[in-house]
Amino acid sequence: ILQWLGLDWDGPALIQSAELPPHRAALDRLAAQGLVFPCSKTRKDLLLVTAPQEGDFEARYAPELRPDLPWPTDLHHAPPGLNWRVKTSPREIHFTDEFAGPQCFDPHREVGDFILWTKRGQPSYQLACVVDDHRTGVNMVFRGDDLLSSTARQILLSNLLGWPSPKWWHVPLVLDEQGERLAKRNKAIRLTELRDAGIRPEAILRLLAKWCGHVAPQDITSIHDFLADFSIDRMPRTPVRCTQADLDALHQP
């Protein structure tokens, strides 16, 4: 899809499932500090004793749910089939987002001890982001503002590992006409479906240009045109609605 739209990237693409040693090494470093503990509780178990924040999909893991000390500091012989969580403490994480402005979150209060390593033997999203950004030299992250609270968790992990954090740009999401996220769970239309339906990539770029505040989105014919007229200052400050008229326009020559 990226190539179809004309996008490229620096260096070879990394396949995370084939590059687990750096993630495991980060987990081991945190375990050696006494900050990691095993957890066999499921989401259903947690919902029996707590509840997610409104609008969130993650139940808070409170300190009283932690197993008794001591926790293992060497995970090489730890039993499989367990989630591994990081111990959090009450602490506000302050950062300035380059687009959304000053932010403040407290992971301990909002989600508690969050998962670093899953029972499937894979790093969690939070740990994977931190490790992958660090090892590939990523210093700027541009993504949806639904991940603002995750940023605080990633900054926390970076601090614990002694790594710098990148700069952040969190922008509003594109929603459907009912105000729902364009997500798989909502059966939103996918770019692959549009491509397979014969939609041209320049039509997608023109729609993106319209949403991003380009001066003349109708003149976009390539990713180079898109980038030449792109300005972060013209990006919308509120969520964009993808309307039926937008989708119909994709079929116009």
Protein backbone atom coordinates (compact mmCIF):
# COMPACT_ATOMS: atom_id res chain seq x y z
CA ILE A 1 0.00 0.00 0.00
CA LEU A 2 2.80 2.44 0.85
CA GLN A 3 4.48 1.84 -2.49
CA TRP A 4 1.14 2.12 -4.27
CA LEU A 5 0.71 5.60 -2.76
CA GLY A 6 4.26 6.55 -3.74
CA LEU A 7 5.74 6.44 -0.24
CA ASP A 8 9.18 5.02 0.48
CA TRP A 9 11.32 4.56 3.57
CA ASP A 10 14.92 4.63 4.76
CA GLY A 11 16.78 1.32 4.80
CA PRO A 12 15.33 -2.20 4.82
CA ALA A 13 12.03 -2.88 6.54
CA LEU A 14 12.45 -4.64 9.89
CA ILE A 15 10.25 -7.64 10.66
CA GLN A 16 9.60 -7.36 14.37
CA SER A 17 8.82 -11.05 14.93
CA ALA A 18 12.25 -11.90 13.52
CA GLU A 19 14.03 -9.23 15.60
CA LEU A 20 13.05 -10.08 19.18
CA PRO A 21 16.47 -10.13 20.95
CA PRO A 22 16.61 -6.30 21.39
CA HIS A 23 13.13 -6.31 22.93
CA ARG A 24 14.03 -9.20 25.20
CA ALA A 25 17.22 -7.43 26.26
CA ALA A 26 15.21 -4.35 27.27
CA LEU A 27 12.82 -6.52 29.28
CA ASP A 28 15.77 -8.20 31.01
CA ARG A 29 17.26 -4.79 31.91
CA LEU A 30 14.02 -3.73 33.57
CA ALA A 31 13.72 -7.08 35.36
CA ALA A 32 17.25 -6.69 36.72
CA GLN A 33 16.08 -3.43 38.32
CA GLY A 34 13.27 -5.29 40.10
CA LEU A 35 10.61 -3.54 38.02
CA VAL A 36 9.02 -6.51 36.23
CA PHE A 37 6.67 -9.15 37.59
CA PRO A 38 4.67 -12.08 36.13
CA CYS A 39 0.93 -11.89 35.68
CA SER A 40 -1.52 -14.66 34.82
CA LYS A 41 -4.66 -12.53 35.13
CA THR A 42 -6.80 -12.04 32.05
CA ARG A 43 -8.64 -8.89 31.02
CA LYS A 44 -11.83 -10.54 32.27
CA ASP A 45 -10.20 -11.10 35.66
CA LEU A 46 -9.23 -7.44 35.89
CA LEU A 47 -12.69 -6.22 34.93
CA LEU A 48 -14.08 -8.09 37.94
CA VAL A 49 -12.08 -5.88 40.30
CA THR A 50 -11.65 -2.67 38.34
CA ALA A 51 -12.96 -0.87 35.28
CA PRO A 52 -11.33 0.90 32.34
CA GLN A 53 -11.43 4.67 32.14
CA GLU A 54 -14.29 6.01 30.03
CA GLY A 55 -13.41 5.61 26.37
CA ASP A 56 -10.46 3.31 27.10
CA PHE A 57 -10.12 -0.39 26.38
CA GLU A 58 -7.61 -1.23 29.09
CA ALA A 59 -8.50 -2.13 32.66
CA ARG A 60 -6.25 -0.62 35.33
CA TYR A 61 -3.84 -3.00 37.07
CA ALA A 62 -3.72 -1.75 40.66
CA PRO A 63 -0.76 -2.24 43.06
CA GLU A 64 -2.74 -4.59 45.29
CA LEU A 65 -2.93 -7.07 42.41
CA ARG A 66 0.84 -7.50 42.27
CA PRO A 67 2.28 -10.87 43.32
CA ASP A 68 4.25 -11.18 46.52
CA LEU A 69 7.93 -10.30 46.53
CA PRO A 70 10.56 -11.29 45.57
CA TRP A 71 10.07 -10.93 41.84
CA PRO A 72 12.47 -12.68 39.47
CA THR A 73 15.36 -10.56 38.25
CA ASP A 74 16.60 -13.17 35.77
CA LEU A 75 13.89 -14.16 33.30
CA HIS A 76 15.91 -16.68 31.30
CA HIS A 77 14.42 -19.57 33.27
CA ALA A 78 11.00 -18.03 33.86
CA PRO A 79 8.02 -20.26 33.02
CA PRO A 80 6.31 -19.60 29.67
CA GLY A 81 2.70 -18.59 29.17
CA LEU A 82 2.73 -15.53 31.43
CA ASN A 83 2.34 -11.83 30.82
CA TRP A 84 5.05 -9.62 32.31
CA ARG A 85 4.16 -6.19 33.67
CA VAL A 86 6.21 -3.19 34.72
CA LYS A 87 5.78 -1.70 38.17
CA THR A 88 4.60 1.91 38.02
CA SER A 89 4.64 4.55 40.74
CA PRO A 90 2.55 7.72 41.12
CA ARG A 91 4.26 10.21 38.85
CA GLU A 92 3.06 12.76 36.35
CA ILE A 93 4.74 12.59 32.95
CA HIS A 94 4.94 16.03 31.34
CA PHE A 95 5.87 16.56 27.71
CA THR A 96 5.18 19.08 24.98
CA ASP A 97 3.67 17.71 21.81
CA GLU A 98 4.79 19.68 18.75
CA PHE A 99 1.19 19.80 17.49
CA ALA A 100 -1.11 19.17 20.45
CA GLY A 101 0.85 21.31 22.93
CA PRO A 102 1.68 20.65 26.62
CA GLN A 103 0.53 17.28 27.96
CA CYS A 104 0.43 15.61 31.35
CA PHE A 105 -0.44 11.99 32.17
CA ASP A 106 0.04 9.68 35.14
CA PRO A 107 0.30 6.08 33.88
CA HIS A 108 0.10 4.71 37.43
CA ARG A 109 -3.27 6.37 38.01
CA GLU A 110 -4.65 5.77 34.52
CA VAL A 111 -3.60 2.20 33.65
CA GLY A 112 -1.44 1.03 36.53
CA ASP A 113 1.18 -1.65 35.90
CA PHE A 114 1.00 -2.21 32.14
CA ILE A 115 2.10 -5.21 30.10
CA LEU A 116 5.60 -5.31 28.61
CA TRP A 117 5.74 -8.90 27.38
CA THR A 118 2.80 -11.08 26.44
CA LYS A 119 2.15 -14.73 27.19
CA ARG A 120 2.52 -15.36 23.44
CA GLY A 121 6.21 -14.53 23.74
CA GLN A 122 5.95 -11.11 22.05
CA PRO A 123 6.70 -7.57 23.26
CA SER A 124 3.71 -5.38 23.98
CA TYR A 125 2.96 -2.34 21.83
CA GLN A 126 4.48 0.00 24.42
CA LEU A 127 7.79 -1.85 24.73
CA ALA A 128 8.01 -2.52 20.99
CA CYS A 129 7.62 1.18 20.15
CA VAL A 130 10.31 2.25 22.60
CA VAL A 131 12.84 -0.40 21.55
CA ASP A 132 12.23 -0.08 17.81
CA ASP A 133 12.45 3.72 17.88
CA HIS A 134 15.68 3.60 19.88
CA ARG A 135 17.47 0.96 17.82
CA THR A 136 16.53 2.53 14.49
CA GLY A 137 17.35 6.09 15.53
CA VAL A 138 13.80 7.45 15.22
CA ASN A 139 13.71 10.97 16.66
CA MET A 140 10.36 12.22 15.31
CA VAL A 141 7.00 10.45 15.64
CA PHE A 142 3.88 11.61 13.78
CA ARG A 143 0.68 9.73 14.66
CA GLY A 144 -2.95 9.97 15.78
CA ASP A 145 -3.89 11.76 18.99
CA ASP A 146 -5.60 8.63 20.31
CA LEU A 147 -2.06 7.60 21.30
CA LEU A 148 -1.28 10.64 23.45
CA SER A 149 -1.71 8.69 26.69
CA SER A 150 0.50 5.89 25.32
CA THR A 151 3.23 8.47 24.81
CA ALA A 152 3.51 8.95 28.57
CA ARG A 153 4.04 5.21 29.04
CA GLN A 154 6.67 5.17 26.32
CA ILE A 155 8.49 8.14 27.86
CA LEU A 156 8.39 6.34 31.22
CA LEU A 157 9.98 3.23 29.69
CA SER A 158 12.60 5.29 27.86
CA ASN A 159 13.53 6.97 31.14
CA LEU A 160 13.82 3.64 32.94
CA LEU A 161 16.07 2.33 30.15
CA GLY A 162 18.15 5.50 30.04
CA TRP A 163 17.20 6.35 26.46
CA PRO A 164 16.15 9.70 24.95
CA SER A 165 12.59 10.13 23.72
CA PRO A 166 11.73 11.38 20.24
CA LYS A 167 9.75 14.51 19.48
CA TRP A 168 6.03 13.92 19.05
CA TRP A 169 3.33 15.20 16.71
CA HIS A 170 -0.16 13.87 17.57
CA VAL A 171 -2.88 14.91 15.14
CA PRO A 172 -6.67 14.37 15.17
CA LEU A 173 -8.11 11.17 13.75
CA VAL A 174 -10.29 10.67 10.70
CA LEU A 175 -13.75 9.52 11.81
CA ASP A 176 -16.74 8.15 9.93
CA GLU A 177 -20.01 10.06 9.56
CA GLN A 178 -21.24 8.70 12.91
CA GLY A 179 -18.11 9.94 14.67
CA GLU A 180 -16.58 6.47 15.09
CA ARG A 181 -12.93 5.73 14.46
CA LEU A 182 -11.98 4.26 11.09
CA ALA A 183 -10.91 1.00 12.70
CA LYS A 184 -11.11 -2.67 11.77
CA ARG A 185 -13.40 -3.40 14.69
CA ASN A 186 -15.88 -0.88 13.24
CA LYS A 187 -15.63 -2.53 9.80
CA ALA A 188 -14.25 0.65 8.27
CA ILE A 189 -13.28 0.56 4.61
CA ARG A 190 -9.61 -0.26 4.04
CA LEU A 191 -7.10 1.18 1.60
CA THR A 192 -6.59 -2.29 0.16
CA GLU A 193 -10.30 -2.48 -0.62
CA LEU A 194 -10.19 0.88 -2.39
CA ARG A 195 -7.15 -0.16 -4.38
CA ASP A 196 -8.74 -3.47 -5.35
CA ALA A 197 -11.89 -1.59 -6.41
CA GLY A 198 -9.83 0.30 -8.99
CA ILE A 199 -9.39 3.59 -7.12
CA ARG A 200 -6.29 5.42 -8.31
CA PRO A 201 -3.64 6.39 -5.72
CA GLU A 202 -3.79 10.05 -6.76
CA ALA A 203 -7.49 10.08 -5.79
CA ILE A 204 -6.53 8.95 -2.28
CA LEU A 205 -3.82 11.60 -2.13
CA ARG A 206 -6.27 14.33 -3.17
CA LEU A 207 -8.66 13.29 -0.40
CA LEU A 208 -5.82 13.28 2.13
CA ALA A 209 -4.74 16.70 0.86
CA LYS A 210 -8.26 18.03 1.39
CA TRP A 211 -8.31 16.73 4.96
CA CYS A 212 -4.82 18.15 5.63
CA GLY A 213 -5.76 21.66 4.55
CA HIS A 214 -3.90 21.86 1.24
CA VAL A 215 -4.56 25.03 -0.75
CA ALA A 216 -5.40 23.22 -4.01
CA PRO A 217 -6.04 19.52 -3.26
CA GLN A 218 -7.62 19.03 -6.69
CA ASP A 219 -4.20 19.61 -8.30
CA ILE A 220 -2.46 16.76 -6.45
CA THR A 221 -1.24 14.07 -8.85
CA SER A 222 1.60 12.47 -6.87
CA ILE A 223 3.13 12.18 -3.42
CA HIS A 224 5.64 14.83 -4.49
CA ASP A 225 2.81 17.31 -5.12
CA PHE A 226 1.33 16.41 -1.74
CA LEU A 227 4.58 17.02 0.12
CA ALA A 228 5.36 20.24 -1.75
CA ASP A 229 2.17 21.90 -0.47
CA PHE A 230 1.99 20.25 2.95
CA SER A 231 2.11 22.49 6.02
CA ILE A 232 1.61 21.28 9.58
CA ASP A 233 0.14 24.71 10.38
CA ARG A 234 -2.85 23.96 8.13
CA MET A 235 -3.64 20.61 9.72
CA PRO A 236 -7.08 20.54 11.38
CA ARG A 237 -7.27 20.83 15.15
CA THR A 238 -10.40 18.71 15.43
CA PRO A 239 -11.26 15.25 14.03
CA VAL A 240 -12.03 15.01 10.32
CA ARG A 241 -15.22 13.26 9.15
CA CYS A 242 -14.99 10.90 6.19
CA THR A 243 -18.32 11.41 4.42
CA GLN A 244 -20.06 9.46 1.70
CA ALA A 245 -19.37 12.41 -0.59
CA ASP A 246 -15.65 11.94 0.08
CA LEU A 247 -15.85 8.28 -0.89
CA ASP A 248 -17.94 9.04 -3.98
CA ALA A 249 -15.36 11.59 -5.11
CA LEU A 250 -12.72 8.86 -5.20
CA HIS A 251 -14.48 7.36 -8.22
CA GLN A 252 -14.41 10.57 -10.21
CA PRO A 253 -11.76 10.85 -12.95
